[in-house]
Amino acid sequence: MIKSKVALVRCDGYDDEKVYAAVVRGMELIGGVSCYIKPGEKIVLKPNVLWGSEPEKCVTTHPAVFKAVGRLLQGAGAQLTYGDSPGFGKTALHMQRTGLKKAADDLGIASADFDSGEVTVHKSGLLNKRFVIANGILAADGVVSLPKLKTHGLTRLTGAIKNQFGCIPGTFKGQFHLKMPDPYDFATMLVDLNSLIRPRLFIMDGIIAMEGNGPRNGNPRRLNVLLFSSDPVALDSIACRIIDLNPEFVPTSKPGEKAGLGTYRYDEIEIAGDDIETFITRDFDVTRRPPVPAASGRMRTFLKNRVTPRPVIDKTKCTRCGVCSKVCPVNPKAIEYYPEDKSKFPQHKYDLCIRCYCCQELCPEGAISVKNTFLGSLISR
């Protein structure tokens, strides 16, 4: 059996030349650039740009990683563009804040259209047969995905597979949270999206990762590693091993294998490069239990609201900006917001909450975290 290959390369900082050397080595370990990119091909670089935050906050793919990959691919003759659709708002401003626009400008890489898209049929999807895909993706011959290693309230890990969610423009992403409140259905949708787009290559920025209240408001955690693979399931699985998380707790693992994207099983993965044992961080702050399936029916919904972890607002951090209510995908909103009365804090309506955690993901102040209910805590012991 031919094993999936994941390369691990140690890199202890974001110095441009250090990162470039690490990227060159990583690509050599998985066969070289020519195995993935041909001269003259139109390739779009897809970093993780959830929100326009400064690079040191570790919310986004670091500009040094983006620049190193862009430099290498340009040297191989690729015609590059770049982009992502952030969680809220237009792309351009977010790209500027992250430093990615400057990195792209330095290399003469043009931005691609991620603000609008077209309906694309995916007949072989496990669950989803239609997507609106960003025009920038559709105009390219191929995609190189540059995920950031971060925790995530819904999927446990934001990694190689989750990164392609940004190929769906704007508010269309929120519709999937509404249509698929079950985390396993949502994960299968992400797998279908990947099997439709089929990125050529995945290079994960784990030099400084994010733990805790990710994917936007967690804490930076130094791991000093870049991960390389053409198999997103295997890459996410090895990232899980580094942070001591069972890959079966990441709901994209099994459907990813079923869809033929790759394997999450350690005995079917070949690790090249540096010794994985030197990267494993057992005290990494991540939820080490599987997501709770969504409930259906009145009794199940009643139980879900008392067992499933819920988003909770910290009033000492909340600035009453209203972003949580704006990004909530349900109608009526599961968050009561009082724009006319700034003395009142937003308040969750848990009977309406579908546990998508979009409010926690995009709160600009880190004022929302996912917490277990009292009954849920008792059950999980």
Protein backbone atom coordinates (compact mmCIF):
# COMPACT_ATOMS: atom_id res chain seq x y z
CA MET A 1 0.00 0.00 0.00
CA ILE A 2 1.27 3.45 -0.94
CA LYS A 3 1.17 5.65 2.13
CA SER A 4 0.20 9.31 2.20
CA LYS A 5 3.24 11.48 2.85
CA VAL A 6 3.39 14.40 5.26
CA ALA A 7 6.61 16.36 5.64
CA LEU A 8 7.52 18.15 8.87
CA VAL A 9 10.15 20.88 8.80
CA ARG A 10 11.40 22.72 11.85
CA CYS A 11 11.34 26.52 11.57
CA ASP A 12 11.81 28.57 14.73
CA GLY A 13 10.58 31.96 13.53
CA TYR A 14 9.18 34.10 10.75
CA ASP A 15 12.40 35.50 9.34
CA ASP A 16 11.85 35.58 5.55
CA GLU A 17 14.97 33.65 4.62
CA LYS A 18 14.52 31.03 7.34
CA VAL A 19 10.96 30.40 6.24
CA TYR A 20 11.92 30.26 2.57
CA ALA A 21 14.64 27.69 3.30
CA ALA A 22 12.13 25.61 5.29
CA VAL A 23 9.56 25.77 2.47
CA VAL A 24 12.17 24.71 -0.11
CA ARG A 25 13.16 21.76 2.07
CA GLY A 26 9.57 20.76 2.73
CA MET A 27 8.71 20.74 -0.95
CA GLU A 28 11.77 18.62 -1.74
CA LEU A 29 10.66 16.10 0.88
CA ILE A 30 7.31 15.58 -0.87
CA GLY A 31 8.73 15.34 -4.37
CA GLY A 32 9.48 18.89 -5.45
CA VAL A 33 7.42 21.73 -6.90
CA SER A 34 7.30 20.18 -10.38
CA CYS A 35 5.13 17.34 -9.03
CA TYR A 36 2.36 19.82 -8.28
CA ILE A 37 2.78 22.87 -10.53
CA LYS A 38 3.58 23.19 -14.23
CA PRO A 39 5.09 26.33 -15.81
CA GLY A 40 2.45 28.77 -17.04
CA GLU A 41 -0.37 27.41 -14.87
CA LYS A 42 -2.68 29.85 -13.11
CA ILE A 43 -2.45 29.04 -9.40
CA VAL A 44 -4.34 30.78 -6.61
CA LEU A 45 -2.80 30.91 -3.13
CA LYS A 46 -5.44 30.46 -0.44
CA PRO A 47 -4.24 31.58 3.02
CA ASN A 48 -6.42 31.47 6.14
CA VAL A 49 -7.79 34.99 6.62
CA LEU A 50 -10.64 34.62 9.08
CA TRP A 51 -10.29 38.28 10.10
CA GLY A 52 -7.89 41.12 9.41
CA SER A 53 -5.68 40.79 12.48
CA GLU A 54 -2.01 41.60 12.91
CA PRO A 55 0.28 38.63 12.15
CA GLU A 56 1.49 38.34 15.75
CA LYS A 57 -2.03 37.47 16.92
CA CYS A 58 -1.79 34.21 14.94
CA VAL A 59 -5.31 34.45 13.54
CA THR A 60 -4.10 34.23 9.94
CA THR A 61 -1.45 32.53 7.86
CA HIS A 62 1.74 34.50 8.45
CA PRO A 63 2.89 36.74 5.57
CA ALA A 64 6.37 35.20 5.70
CA VAL A 65 4.92 31.75 4.91
CA PHE A 66 2.74 33.18 2.14
CA LYS A 67 5.71 35.05 0.68
CA ALA A 68 8.01 32.01 0.79
CA VAL A 69 5.50 29.80 -1.01
CA GLY A 70 4.74 32.52 -3.55
CA ARG A 71 8.43 33.04 -4.24
CA LEU A 72 9.02 29.32 -4.76
CA LEU A 73 6.01 28.86 -7.07
CA GLN A 74 6.92 31.90 -9.13
CA GLY A 75 10.35 30.38 -9.58
CA ALA A 76 8.63 27.28 -10.95
CA GLY A 77 6.84 29.40 -13.55
CA ALA A 78 3.38 29.62 -11.98
CA GLN A 79 1.14 32.62 -12.64
CA LEU A 80 -0.10 33.46 -9.15
CA THR A 81 -3.11 35.19 -7.66
CA TYR A 82 -4.26 35.09 -4.05
CA GLY A 83 -7.35 35.52 -1.91
CA ASP A 84 -9.77 34.35 0.74
CA SER A 85 -13.26 35.26 1.86
CA PRO A 86 -13.09 36.32 5.53
CA GLY A 87 -15.76 35.59 8.11
CA PHE A 88 -17.27 39.07 7.87
CA GLY A 89 -16.89 41.96 5.41
CA LYS A 90 -14.97 42.48 2.18
CA THR A 91 -11.63 40.86 1.44
CA ALA A 92 -9.35 43.81 0.64
CA LEU A 93 -9.24 45.49 4.05
CA HIS A 94 -8.65 42.20 5.86
CA MET A 95 -5.76 41.34 3.55
CA GLN A 96 -4.15 44.72 4.21
CA ARG A 97 -4.35 44.37 8.00
CA THR A 98 -2.80 40.91 8.01
CA GLY A 99 0.27 41.99 6.04
CA LEU A 100 -0.64 39.56 3.27
CA LYS A 101 -1.36 42.34 0.77
CA LYS A 102 2.12 43.79 1.27
CA ALA A 103 3.68 40.34 0.88
CA ALA A 104 1.71 39.83 -2.34
CA ASP A 105 2.60 43.29 -3.62
CA ASP A 106 6.28 42.63 -2.94
CA LEU A 107 6.08 39.64 -5.28
CA GLY A 108 3.73 41.24 -7.81
CA ILE A 109 0.90 38.79 -7.04
CA ALA A 110 -2.54 40.12 -7.96
CA SER A 111 -5.61 39.63 -5.78
CA ALA A 112 -8.30 37.25 -7.01
CA ASP A 113 -12.04 37.80 -6.75
CA PHE A 114 -13.28 36.17 -3.54
CA ASP A 115 -16.20 38.58 -2.99
CA SER A 116 -18.46 37.09 -5.67
CA GLY A 117 -18.95 33.65 -7.14
CA GLU A 118 -20.98 31.26 -9.24
CA VAL A 119 -23.09 28.20 -8.51
CA THR A 120 -21.07 25.07 -9.20
CA VAL A 121 -22.54 21.56 -9.35
CA HIS A 122 -20.74 18.75 -7.55
CA LYS A 123 -22.51 15.54 -8.52
CA SER A 124 -20.18 13.24 -6.58
CA GLY A 125 -20.52 15.10 -3.28
CA LEU A 126 -21.36 12.92 -0.27
CA LEU A 127 -23.94 15.38 1.01
CA ASN A 128 -23.72 18.66 -0.93
CA LYS A 129 -24.25 18.79 -4.67
CA ARG A 130 -24.14 22.57 -5.18
CA PHE A 131 -21.82 25.31 -3.98
CA VAL A 132 -21.28 28.97 -4.74
CA ILE A 133 -17.55 29.10 -5.43
CA ALA A 134 -15.50 32.32 -5.53
CA ASN A 135 -14.69 33.53 -9.03
CA GLY A 136 -11.02 33.68 -8.12
CA ILE A 137 -11.02 29.92 -7.59
CA LEU A 138 -12.97 29.19 -10.75
CA ALA A 139 -10.56 31.28 -12.85
CA ALA A 140 -7.50 29.30 -11.71
CA ASP A 141 -6.03 26.04 -12.94
CA GLY A 142 -5.28 24.98 -9.39
CA VAL A 143 -5.20 25.95 -5.72
CA VAL A 144 -2.40 25.85 -3.16
CA SER A 145 -3.89 25.97 0.33
CA LEU A 146 -2.01 27.68 3.17
CA PRO A 147 -3.89 26.86 6.40
CA LYS A 148 -3.01 28.01 9.92
CA LEU A 149 -2.91 25.49 12.76
CA LYS A 150 -5.60 26.68 15.19
CA THR A 151 -8.23 25.31 17.52
CA HIS A 152 -11.90 25.60 16.58
CA GLY A 153 -15.03 25.35 18.73
CA LEU A 154 -17.09 23.40 16.19
CA THR A 155 -14.56 21.24 14.33
CA ARG A 156 -11.86 21.10 17.05
CA LEU A 157 -9.17 22.02 14.51
CA THR A 158 -8.97 24.61 11.74
CA GLY A 159 -6.62 22.90 9.34
CA ALA A 160 -6.14 21.83 5.76
CA ILE A 161 -9.73 20.80 5.06
CA LYS A 162 -11.43 23.63 6.94
CA ASN A 163 -9.34 26.25 5.12
CA GLN A 164 -11.32 25.83 1.89
CA PHE A 165 -14.48 27.18 3.56
CA GLY A 166 -13.11 30.59 2.58
CA CYS A 167 -13.56 29.66 -1.09
CA ILE A 168 -17.28 30.32 -0.55
CA PRO A 169 -17.82 34.08 -0.80
CA GLY A 170 -19.36 36.28 1.88
CA THR A 171 -22.66 35.46 3.50
CA PHE A 172 -23.07 32.20 1.60
CA LYS A 173 -20.89 30.62 4.30
CA GLY A 174 -23.41 31.47 7.02
CA GLN A 175 -26.14 29.67 5.11
CA PHE A 176 -24.32 26.37 5.55
CA HIS A 177 -24.25 26.82 9.32
CA LEU A 178 -28.00 27.36 9.21
CA LYS A 179 -28.73 24.44 6.89
CA MET A 180 -26.36 22.10 8.72
CA PRO A 181 -26.47 22.63 12.47
CA ASP A 182 -25.12 19.12 13.00
CA PRO A 183 -21.30 19.36 13.21
CA TYR A 184 -20.90 16.07 11.35
CA ASP A 185 -23.07 17.23 8.45
CA PHE A 186 -21.17 20.53 8.41
CA ALA A 187 -17.88 18.61 8.33
CA THR A 188 -19.12 16.46 5.45
CA MET A 189 -19.97 19.66 3.60
CA LEU A 190 -16.37 20.82 4.08
CA VAL A 191 -15.16 17.50 2.69
CA ASP A 192 -17.44 17.87 -0.34
CA LEU A 193 -16.10 21.37 -0.89
CA ASN A 194 -12.54 20.02 -0.86
CA SER A 195 -13.35 17.18 -3.25
CA LEU A 196 -14.85 19.77 -5.62
CA ILE A 197 -11.97 22.27 -5.46
CA ARG A 198 -9.19 19.66 -5.09
CA PRO A 199 -6.26 21.86 -4.00
CA ARG A 200 -2.96 20.61 -5.41
CA LEU A 201 -0.99 21.12 -2.24
CA PHE A 202 -1.35 22.05 1.44
CA ILE A 203 1.32 23.89 3.46
CA MET A 204 0.31 24.51 7.07
CA ASP A 205 1.71 27.32 9.20
CA GLY A 206 2.34 25.84 12.63
CA ILE A 207 5.38 27.92 13.50
CA ILE A 208 3.26 29.77 16.02
CA ALA A 209 -0.16 28.13 16.28
CA MET A 210 -3.28 29.13 18.22
CA GLU A 211 -4.64 27.22 21.21
CA GLY A 212 -7.59 27.82 23.52
CA ASN A 213 -10.46 30.02 22.34
CA GLY A 214 -9.70 29.69 18.62
CA PRO A 215 -9.98 30.32 15.75
CA ARG A 216 -9.79 34.09 16.43
CA ASN A 217 -9.43 34.74 20.14
CA GLY A 218 -7.14 32.01 21.38
CA ASN A 219 -3.56 32.27 22.57
CA PRO A 220 -0.42 32.00 20.41
CA ARG A 221 1.52 28.79 21.03
CA ARG A 222 4.95 28.17 19.52
CA LEU A 223 5.24 24.80 17.75
CA ASN A 224 8.09 25.67 15.33
CA VAL A 225 6.80 23.49 12.48
CA LEU A 226 5.65 23.74 8.88
CA LEU A 227 3.64 20.81 7.51
CA PHE A 228 3.50 19.80 3.82
CA SER A 229 1.26 17.31 2.01
CA SER A 230 -1.04 16.74 -0.95
CA ASP A 231 -3.34 14.78 1.40
CA PRO A 232 -5.39 17.17 3.58
CA VAL A 233 -6.81 14.39 5.75
CA ALA A 234 -3.35 13.08 6.57
CA LEU A 235 -1.97 16.57 7.16
CA ASP A 236 -4.77 17.37 9.62
CA SER A 237 -4.24 14.00 11.30
CA ILE A 238 -0.53 14.69 11.85
CA ALA A 239 -1.36 18.18 13.13
CA CYS A 240 -3.69 16.46 15.60
CA ARG A 241 -0.90 14.15 16.69
CA ILE A 242 1.37 17.14 17.31
CA ILE A 243 -1.21 18.76 19.62
CA ASP A 244 -2.13 15.39 21.19
CA LEU A 245 -5.68 15.32 19.79
CA ASN A 246 -7.34 12.14 18.56
CA PRO A 247 -8.00 12.75 14.83
CA GLU A 248 -11.29 10.88 15.15
CA PHE A 249 -12.51 13.83 17.25
CA VAL A 250 -12.11 16.06 14.18
CA PRO A 251 -15.37 15.48 12.28
CA THR A 252 -13.81 15.89 8.82
CA SER A 253 -11.52 12.87 9.27
CA LYS A 254 -13.90 10.00 8.51
CA PRO A 255 -15.89 11.62 5.69
CA GLY A 256 -12.60 12.85 4.24
CA GLU A 257 -11.39 9.28 4.03
CA LYS A 258 -14.74 8.13 2.65
CA ALA A 259 -14.61 10.77 -0.09
CA GLY A 260 -11.15 9.62 -1.16
CA LEU A 261 -9.31 12.75 -0.04
CA GLY A 262 -6.82 10.74 1.99
CA THR A 263 -6.36 8.94 5.29
CA TYR A 264 -6.29 9.95 8.94
CA ARG A 265 -4.86 6.60 10.12
CA TYR A 266 -1.31 6.91 11.43
CA ASP A 267 -0.22 3.52 10.07
CA GLU A 268 -1.15 4.67 6.56
CA ILE A 269 0.87 7.90 6.74
CA GLU A 270 4.58 8.30 6.05
CA ILE A 271 6.20 11.17 7.93
CA ALA A 272 9.22 12.73 6.23
CA GLY A 273 11.63 15.35 7.51
CA ASP A 274 12.09 16.13 11.18
CA ASP A 275 11.13 13.75 13.98
CA ILE A 276 7.49 14.25 14.98
CA GLU A 277 8.29 13.42 18.59
CA THR A 278 10.24 16.69 18.84
CA PHE A 279 7.07 18.66 18.03
CA ILE A 280 4.43 16.90 20.14
CA THR A 281 2.90 19.28 22.69
CA ARG A 282 0.74 17.34 25.11
CA ASP A 283 -0.47 20.33 27.10
CA PHE A 284 -1.78 22.16 24.03
CA ASP A 285 -5.11 23.74 25.00
CA VAL A 286 -7.69 22.04 22.78
CA THR A 287 -11.01 20.33 23.43
CA ARG A 288 -10.24 16.61 23.60
CA ARG A 289 -13.69 15.15 23.05
CA PRO A 290 -15.79 14.68 19.91
CA PRO A 291 -18.42 17.26 18.92
CA VAL A 292 -21.97 16.64 20.10
CA PRO A 293 -24.37 15.75 17.25
CA ALA A 294 -27.21 18.20 16.71
CA ALA A 295 -30.60 17.28 18.09
CA SER A 296 -33.87 16.98 16.21
CA GLY A 297 -37.36 16.85 17.65
CA ARG A 298 -38.62 18.74 20.68
CA MET A 299 -37.30 16.41 23.35
CA ARG A 300 -33.89 16.11 21.71
CA THR A 301 -33.69 19.87 21.30
CA PHE A 302 -34.62 20.29 24.95
CA LEU A 303 -31.83 17.94 25.96
CA LYS A 304 -29.34 19.49 23.52
CA ASN A 305 -29.79 22.91 25.09
CA ARG A 306 -28.88 21.45 28.47
CA VAL A 307 -26.03 19.17 27.40
CA THR A 308 -24.26 20.69 24.37
CA PRO A 309 -21.52 23.27 25.03
CA ARG A 310 -22.82 26.78 24.47
CA PRO A 311 -21.36 30.19 23.62
CA VAL A 312 -21.14 32.43 26.68
CA ILE A 313 -20.53 36.20 26.75
CA ASP A 314 -17.99 37.66 29.17
CA LYS A 315 -19.44 41.05 30.09
CA THR A 316 -16.07 42.30 31.30
CA LYS A 317 -14.77 42.06 27.72
CA CYS A 318 -17.91 42.78 25.69
CA THR A 319 -18.05 46.23 24.05
CA ARG A 320 -21.63 45.78 22.78
CA CYS A 321 -20.47 46.16 19.16
CA GLY A 322 -23.16 43.81 17.83
CA VAL A 323 -20.93 41.69 15.58
CA CYS A 324 -22.17 38.55 17.35
CA SER A 325 -25.75 39.32 16.35
CA LYS A 326 -24.82 40.31 12.79
CA VAL A 327 -23.01 37.04 12.08
CA CYS A 328 -25.62 34.81 13.74
CA PRO A 329 -27.10 32.85 10.79
CA VAL A 330 -30.49 31.93 12.28
CA ASN A 331 -33.71 33.86 11.83
CA PRO A 332 -34.95 35.04 14.26
CA LYS A 333 -31.52 35.75 15.72
CA ALA A 334 -30.27 33.59 18.58
CA ILE A 335 -28.63 36.68 20.09
CA GLU A 336 -30.70 39.59 21.36
CA TYR A 337 -28.86 42.82 20.63
CA TYR A 338 -29.88 46.26 21.87
CA PRO A 339 -28.30 48.89 19.57
CA GLU A 340 -30.50 51.65 21.00
CA ASP A 341 -29.56 50.91 24.60
CA LYS A 342 -25.82 50.59 25.15
CA SER A 343 -26.35 49.78 28.82
CA LYS A 344 -27.63 46.33 27.85
CA PHE A 345 -25.35 43.48 26.84
CA PRO A 346 -26.20 41.06 24.01
CA GLN A 347 -27.95 37.97 25.29
CA HIS A 348 -28.10 34.48 23.82
CA LYS A 349 -31.42 32.73 23.28
CA TYR A 350 -30.21 29.19 23.67
CA ASP A 351 -33.48 27.64 22.51
CA LEU A 352 -32.79 29.19 19.09
CA CYS A 353 -29.00 28.69 19.11
CA ILE A 354 -27.82 26.01 16.66
CA ARG A 355 -24.33 25.83 18.25
CA CYS A 356 -22.49 26.94 15.11
CA TYR A 357 -20.26 29.17 17.29
CA CYS A 358 -20.04 31.87 14.61
CA CYS A 359 -20.48 34.48 17.36
CA GLN A 360 -17.53 33.03 19.31
CA GLU A 361 -15.46 32.70 16.15
CA LEU A 362 -15.85 36.31 15.04
CA CYS A 363 -16.19 38.32 18.26
CA PRO A 364 -13.56 41.08 17.84
CA GLU A 365 -12.92 41.35 21.59
CA GLY A 366 -12.64 37.65 22.46
CA ALA A 367 -15.63 38.14 24.76
CA ILE A 368 -17.36 34.90 23.77
CA SER A 369 -16.12 31.43 24.64
CA VAL A 370 -17.60 27.95 24.31
CA LYS A 371 -18.40 26.47 27.71
CA ASN A 372 -19.91 23.23 28.89
CA THR A 373 -23.31 23.29 30.58
CA PHE A 374 -23.59 21.96 34.12
CA LEU A 375 -25.37 18.82 32.93
CA GLY A 376 -22.93 18.42 30.06
CA SER A 377 -20.02 18.59 32.50
CA LEU A 378 -21.53 15.79 34.59
CA ILE A 379 -22.10 13.57 31.56
CA SER A 380 -18.60 14.07 30.14
CA ARG A 381 -16.85 13.01 33.34
